[in-house]
Structures are given as structure tokens and as C-alpha cells.
Amino acid sequence: MRRWPKKREFLAYYLLYRSFGCSRDLNLGELLDRLEPYFGKKVSVSLIRRLTHLGFLYRKNAVDYRVACLEEVLDRYLDAYLEARKRRRGAYSSS
């Protein structure tokens, strides 16, 4: 994980997760139809790109996506956070 998601990114992901779940493939049009009323077209396209980069969406091909399960996303962030904490604490406790 490079960084924590911003509030807008996480809430856009959660909107998609609540709307579609994580068990089916979606095309780009379905994602845009769900996000555009709240974020506009340009921002929605950017959000989809960022959510894919952050691991909240999986890109199957040029137009098909799948929403990542909430538990899976949180587990990845928890693992990355705990690993970073362990590395930082190890640097200080070895003296």
C-alpha cells in the first residue's frame, strides 16, 4: 500500500461495494453510471483509475472490473500497517 485512501476515494469505493457487491464483473459504464450523479464524469473516471491503482477495483480487461471485497481490502491495509509498525519499532528497539 502506497498510501491510505482519501475520504472521497474510500466513500466512492464503499458506494460501489454497497451497490454491486464483490461477486460479479462490472463494465466501465455501470461503474460510471453509479458514480456520475455524485462526482461528475471526469472525477468518476479519475476515481475509477485511482481505485484500481489502490486495489479497491480489479481490472479484468479494458472495460471489465470487479469490486474488491471490503474484508480483503481492510486485511491488506492492516497487514501493511502492522508490517510498517514492526519495521519502525524494530529500528528503535535494537539499540
N, C-alpha and C. Protein backbone atom coordinates (compact mmCIF):
# COMPACT_ATOMS: atom_id res chain seq x y z
N MET A 1 0.84 -1.17 0.00
CA MET A 1 0.00 0.00 0.00
C MET A 1 0.89 1.24 0.00
N ARG A 2 0.68 2.08 -0.96
CA ARG A 2 1.49 3.29 -1.04
C ARG A 2 1.00 4.35 -0.06
N ARG A 3 -0.31 4.47 0.05
CA ARG A 3 -0.86 5.48 0.94
C ARG A 3 -2.27 5.07 1.32
N TRP A 4 -2.77 5.70 2.35
CA TRP A 4 -4.15 5.47 2.76
C TRP A 4 -5.07 6.17 1.77
N PRO A 5 -6.25 5.62 1.53
CA PRO A 5 -7.16 6.28 0.60
C PRO A 5 -7.70 7.58 1.19
N LYS A 6 -7.99 8.51 0.31
CA LYS A 6 -8.62 9.74 0.75
C LYS A 6 -10.09 9.46 1.00
N LYS A 7 -10.74 10.36 1.71
CA LYS A 7 -12.14 10.16 2.07
C LYS A 7 -13.01 9.95 0.83
N ARG A 8 -12.83 10.77 -0.18
CA ARG A 8 -13.62 10.64 -1.41
C ARG A 8 -13.40 9.28 -2.06
N GLU A 9 -12.15 8.83 -2.11
CA GLU A 9 -11.85 7.53 -2.72
C GLU A 9 -12.51 6.39 -1.96
N PHE A 10 -12.38 6.42 -0.64
CA PHE A 10 -12.95 5.34 0.15
C PHE A 10 -14.47 5.33 0.05
N LEU A 11 -15.10 6.50 0.09
CA LEU A 11 -16.55 6.55 0.02
C LEU A 11 -17.06 6.18 -1.37
N ALA A 12 -16.32 6.50 -2.41
CA ALA A 12 -16.70 6.05 -3.76
C ALA A 12 -16.60 4.53 -3.84
N TYR A 13 -15.53 3.96 -3.29
CA TYR A 13 -15.41 2.50 -3.25
C TYR A 13 -16.57 1.89 -2.48
N TYR A 14 -16.89 2.45 -1.32
CA TYR A 14 -17.96 1.89 -0.50
C TYR A 14 -19.31 1.99 -1.20
N LEU A 15 -19.53 3.06 -1.95
CA LEU A 15 -20.75 3.19 -2.74
C LEU A 15 -20.83 2.07 -3.77
N LEU A 16 -19.74 1.80 -4.46
CA LEU A 16 -19.71 0.71 -5.44
C LEU A 16 -19.88 -0.65 -4.77
N TYR A 17 -19.23 -0.83 -3.63
CA TYR A 17 -19.33 -2.10 -2.91
C TYR A 17 -20.76 -2.35 -2.45
N ARG A 18 -21.40 -1.33 -1.89
CA ARG A 18 -22.79 -1.49 -1.43
C ARG A 18 -23.74 -1.69 -2.60
N SER A 19 -23.45 -1.08 -3.73
CA SER A 19 -24.34 -1.18 -4.89
C SER A 19 -24.21 -2.52 -5.62
N PHE A 20 -22.98 -2.99 -5.79
CA PHE A 20 -22.74 -4.15 -6.64
C PHE A 20 -22.20 -5.38 -5.90
N GLY A 21 -21.71 -5.22 -4.69
CA GLY A 21 -21.07 -6.34 -4.01
C GLY A 21 -19.73 -6.63 -4.64
N CYS A 22 -19.18 -7.79 -4.31
CA CYS A 22 -17.86 -8.13 -4.83
C CYS A 22 -17.87 -9.44 -5.60
N SER A 23 -19.04 -9.90 -6.01
CA SER A 23 -19.10 -11.23 -6.61
C SER A 23 -19.34 -11.23 -8.11
N ARG A 24 -19.48 -10.08 -8.74
CA ARG A 24 -19.73 -10.11 -10.19
C ARG A 24 -18.87 -9.08 -10.92
N ASP A 25 -18.67 -9.37 -12.20
CA ASP A 25 -17.92 -8.46 -13.05
C ASP A 25 -18.83 -7.32 -13.50
N LEU A 26 -18.25 -6.14 -13.59
CA LEU A 26 -18.98 -4.95 -14.00
C LEU A 26 -18.25 -4.31 -15.17
N ASN A 27 -19.00 -3.66 -16.04
CA ASN A 27 -18.29 -2.94 -17.09
C ASN A 27 -18.13 -1.48 -16.67
N LEU A 28 -17.30 -0.80 -17.39
CA LEU A 28 -16.97 0.58 -17.06
C LEU A 28 -18.21 1.46 -17.03
N GLY A 29 -19.16 1.22 -17.93
CA GLY A 29 -20.39 2.00 -17.98
C GLY A 29 -21.21 1.89 -16.71
N GLU A 30 -21.29 0.68 -16.14
CA GLU A 30 -22.03 0.50 -14.89
C GLU A 30 -21.40 1.28 -13.74
N LEU A 31 -20.08 1.25 -13.69
CA LEU A 31 -19.38 2.00 -12.64
C LEU A 31 -19.61 3.49 -12.80
N LEU A 32 -19.49 3.97 -14.03
CA LEU A 32 -19.69 5.40 -14.27
C LEU A 32 -21.13 5.82 -13.99
N ASP A 33 -22.09 4.98 -14.37
CA ASP A 33 -23.50 5.31 -14.10
C ASP A 33 -23.76 5.46 -12.62
N ARG A 34 -23.07 4.69 -11.81
CA ARG A 34 -23.29 4.75 -10.36
C ARG A 34 -22.58 5.95 -9.73
N LEU A 35 -21.41 6.30 -10.24
CA LEU A 35 -20.63 7.38 -9.63
C LEU A 35 -20.98 8.77 -10.16
N GLU A 36 -21.34 8.87 -11.43
CA GLU A 36 -21.53 10.18 -12.06
C GLU A 36 -22.56 11.09 -11.39
N PRO A 37 -23.68 10.59 -10.86
CA PRO A 37 -24.62 11.53 -10.22
C PRO A 37 -24.01 12.27 -9.02
N TYR A 38 -22.99 11.71 -8.43
CA TYR A 38 -22.41 12.30 -7.23
C TYR A 38 -21.09 13.02 -7.50
N PHE A 39 -20.32 12.55 -8.49
CA PHE A 39 -18.97 13.07 -8.68
C PHE A 39 -18.73 13.72 -10.04
N GLY A 40 -19.60 13.55 -11.00
CA GLY A 40 -19.36 14.07 -12.34
C GLY A 40 -18.52 13.10 -13.15
N LYS A 41 -18.50 13.27 -14.47
CA LYS A 41 -17.85 12.29 -15.34
C LYS A 41 -16.32 12.27 -15.20
N LYS A 42 -15.68 13.44 -15.26
CA LYS A 42 -14.22 13.47 -15.18
C LYS A 42 -13.71 12.94 -13.84
N VAL A 43 -14.35 13.35 -12.76
CA VAL A 43 -13.92 12.88 -11.44
C VAL A 43 -14.20 11.38 -11.30
N SER A 44 -15.31 10.90 -11.85
CA SER A 44 -15.63 9.48 -11.77
C SER A 44 -14.60 8.63 -12.49
N VAL A 45 -14.18 9.07 -13.67
CA VAL A 45 -13.15 8.34 -14.41
C VAL A 45 -11.84 8.34 -13.62
N SER A 46 -11.49 9.47 -13.04
CA SER A 46 -10.27 9.54 -12.22
C SER A 46 -10.39 8.65 -10.99
N LEU A 47 -11.56 8.63 -10.37
CA LEU A 47 -11.75 7.79 -9.19
C LEU A 47 -11.60 6.32 -9.55
N ILE A 48 -12.16 5.90 -10.66
CA ILE A 48 -12.03 4.50 -11.07
C ILE A 48 -10.57 4.16 -11.31
N ARG A 49 -9.83 5.06 -11.93
CA ARG A 49 -8.41 4.83 -12.17
C ARG A 49 -7.66 4.72 -10.84
N ARG A 50 -7.95 5.63 -9.90
CA ARG A 50 -7.26 5.60 -8.60
C ARG A 50 -7.66 4.39 -7.77
N LEU A 51 -8.94 4.03 -7.81
CA LEU A 51 -9.39 2.86 -7.05
C LEU A 51 -8.75 1.58 -7.58
N THR A 52 -8.54 1.51 -8.88
CA THR A 52 -7.85 0.36 -9.46
C THR A 52 -6.39 0.34 -9.00
N HIS A 53 -5.76 1.49 -9.02
CA HIS A 53 -4.35 1.59 -8.60
C HIS A 53 -4.19 1.23 -7.12
N LEU A 54 -5.15 1.62 -6.30
CA LEU A 54 -5.08 1.35 -4.86
C LEU A 54 -5.53 -0.06 -4.48
N GLY A 55 -6.10 -0.81 -5.43
CA GLY A 55 -6.50 -2.18 -5.15
C GLY A 55 -7.94 -2.34 -4.70
N PHE A 56 -8.75 -1.30 -4.82
CA PHE A 56 -10.16 -1.39 -4.47
C PHE A 56 -10.98 -1.97 -5.61
N LEU A 57 -10.49 -1.83 -6.84
CA LEU A 57 -11.12 -2.41 -8.01
C LEU A 57 -10.08 -3.27 -8.73
N TYR A 58 -10.52 -4.39 -9.28
CA TYR A 58 -9.65 -5.24 -10.09
C TYR A 58 -10.05 -5.05 -11.54
N ARG A 59 -9.08 -4.80 -12.38
CA ARG A 59 -9.35 -4.62 -13.80
C ARG A 59 -9.16 -5.95 -14.50
N LYS A 60 -10.21 -6.46 -15.11
CA LYS A 60 -10.15 -7.74 -15.82
C LYS A 60 -9.62 -7.56 -17.24
N ASN A 61 -10.14 -6.57 -17.94
CA ASN A 61 -9.67 -6.21 -19.28
C ASN A 61 -9.95 -4.73 -19.47
N ALA A 62 -10.01 -4.28 -20.71
CA ALA A 62 -10.13 -2.84 -20.96
C ALA A 62 -11.40 -2.23 -20.37
N VAL A 63 -12.49 -2.98 -20.27
CA VAL A 63 -13.75 -2.39 -19.80
C VAL A 63 -14.40 -3.13 -18.64
N ASP A 64 -13.87 -4.26 -18.24
CA ASP A 64 -14.48 -5.05 -17.17
C ASP A 64 -13.70 -4.93 -15.87
N TYR A 65 -14.43 -4.74 -14.79
CA TYR A 65 -13.85 -4.56 -13.47
C TYR A 65 -14.58 -5.44 -12.47
N ARG A 66 -13.97 -5.62 -11.31
CA ARG A 66 -14.62 -6.29 -10.20
C ARG A 66 -14.28 -5.50 -8.94
N VAL A 67 -15.28 -5.28 -8.09
CA VAL A 67 -15.07 -4.56 -6.84
C VAL A 67 -14.44 -5.53 -5.84
N ALA A 68 -13.40 -5.10 -5.16
CA ALA A 68 -12.75 -5.93 -4.15
C ALA A 68 -13.65 -6.02 -2.91
N CYS A 69 -13.62 -7.16 -2.24
CA CYS A 69 -14.41 -7.33 -1.02
C CYS A 69 -13.84 -6.44 0.09
N LEU A 70 -14.71 -5.90 0.89
CA LEU A 70 -14.32 -4.97 1.94
C LEU A 70 -13.33 -5.61 2.91
N GLU A 71 -13.61 -6.84 3.32
CA GLU A 71 -12.72 -7.52 4.27
C GLU A 71 -11.32 -7.71 3.70
N GLU A 72 -11.26 -8.04 2.41
CA GLU A 72 -9.97 -8.22 1.74
C GLU A 72 -9.18 -6.92 1.71
N VAL A 73 -9.84 -5.83 1.38
CA VAL A 73 -9.18 -4.52 1.34
C VAL A 73 -8.66 -4.14 2.72
N LEU A 74 -9.52 -4.29 3.73
CA LEU A 74 -9.11 -3.93 5.09
C LEU A 74 -7.98 -4.83 5.58
N ASP A 75 -8.01 -6.11 5.24
CA ASP A 75 -6.93 -7.02 5.63
C ASP A 75 -5.60 -6.59 5.01
N ARG A 76 -5.62 -6.19 3.73
CA ARG A 76 -4.38 -5.75 3.10
C ARG A 76 -3.82 -4.51 3.76
N TYR A 77 -4.70 -3.54 4.07
CA TYR A 77 -4.23 -2.33 4.73
C TYR A 77 -3.75 -2.61 6.15
N LEU A 78 -4.43 -3.51 6.85
CA LEU A 78 -3.99 -3.88 8.20
C LEU A 78 -2.62 -4.54 8.15
N ASP A 79 -2.43 -5.49 7.23
CA ASP A 79 -1.14 -6.16 7.12
C ASP A 79 -0.02 -5.18 6.81
N ALA A 80 -0.27 -4.27 5.87
CA ALA A 80 0.76 -3.29 5.51
C ALA A 80 1.06 -2.37 6.70
N TYR A 81 0.03 -1.96 7.42
CA TYR A 81 0.21 -1.07 8.56
C TYR A 81 1.00 -1.77 9.67
N LEU A 82 0.63 -2.99 9.99
CA LEU A 82 1.32 -3.71 11.06
C LEU A 82 2.77 -4.00 10.69
N GLU A 83 3.01 -4.34 9.43
CA GLU A 83 4.38 -4.58 8.98
C GLU A 83 5.22 -3.31 9.09
N ALA A 84 4.65 -2.17 8.71
CA ALA A 84 5.38 -0.91 8.82
C ALA A 84 5.65 -0.57 10.28
N ARG A 85 4.68 -0.81 11.14
CA ARG A 85 4.88 -0.56 12.58
C ARG A 85 5.99 -1.45 13.13
N LYS A 86 5.99 -2.71 12.72
CA LYS A 86 7.01 -3.63 13.21
C LYS A 86 8.39 -3.19 12.75
N ARG A 87 8.51 -2.74 11.49
CA ARG A 87 9.80 -2.25 11.00
C ARG A 87 10.25 -1.01 11.75
N ARG A 88 9.33 -0.07 11.98
CA ARG A 88 9.71 1.15 12.68
C ARG A 88 10.09 0.87 14.12
N ARG A 89 9.33 0.03 14.81
CA ARG A 89 9.64 -0.27 16.20
C ARG A 89 10.94 -1.08 16.31
N GLY A 90 11.19 -1.92 15.34
CA GLY A 90 12.43 -2.70 15.34
C GLY A 90 13.65 -1.82 15.20
N ALA A 91 13.51 -0.73 14.48
CA ALA A 91 14.64 0.19 14.27
C ALA A 91 15.01 0.88 15.59
N TYR A 92 14.02 1.13 16.44
CA TYR A 92 14.29 1.82 17.69
C TYR A 92 14.65 0.88 18.83
N SER A 93 14.13 -0.32 18.81
CA SER A 93 14.35 -1.21 19.95
C SER A 93 15.65 -2.00 19.86
N SER A 94 16.37 -1.93 18.73
CA SER A 94 17.59 -2.70 18.60
C SER A 94 18.80 -2.05 19.26
N SER A 95 18.69 -0.86 19.78
CA SER A 95 19.83 -0.17 20.39
C SER A 95 20.14 -0.69 21.75
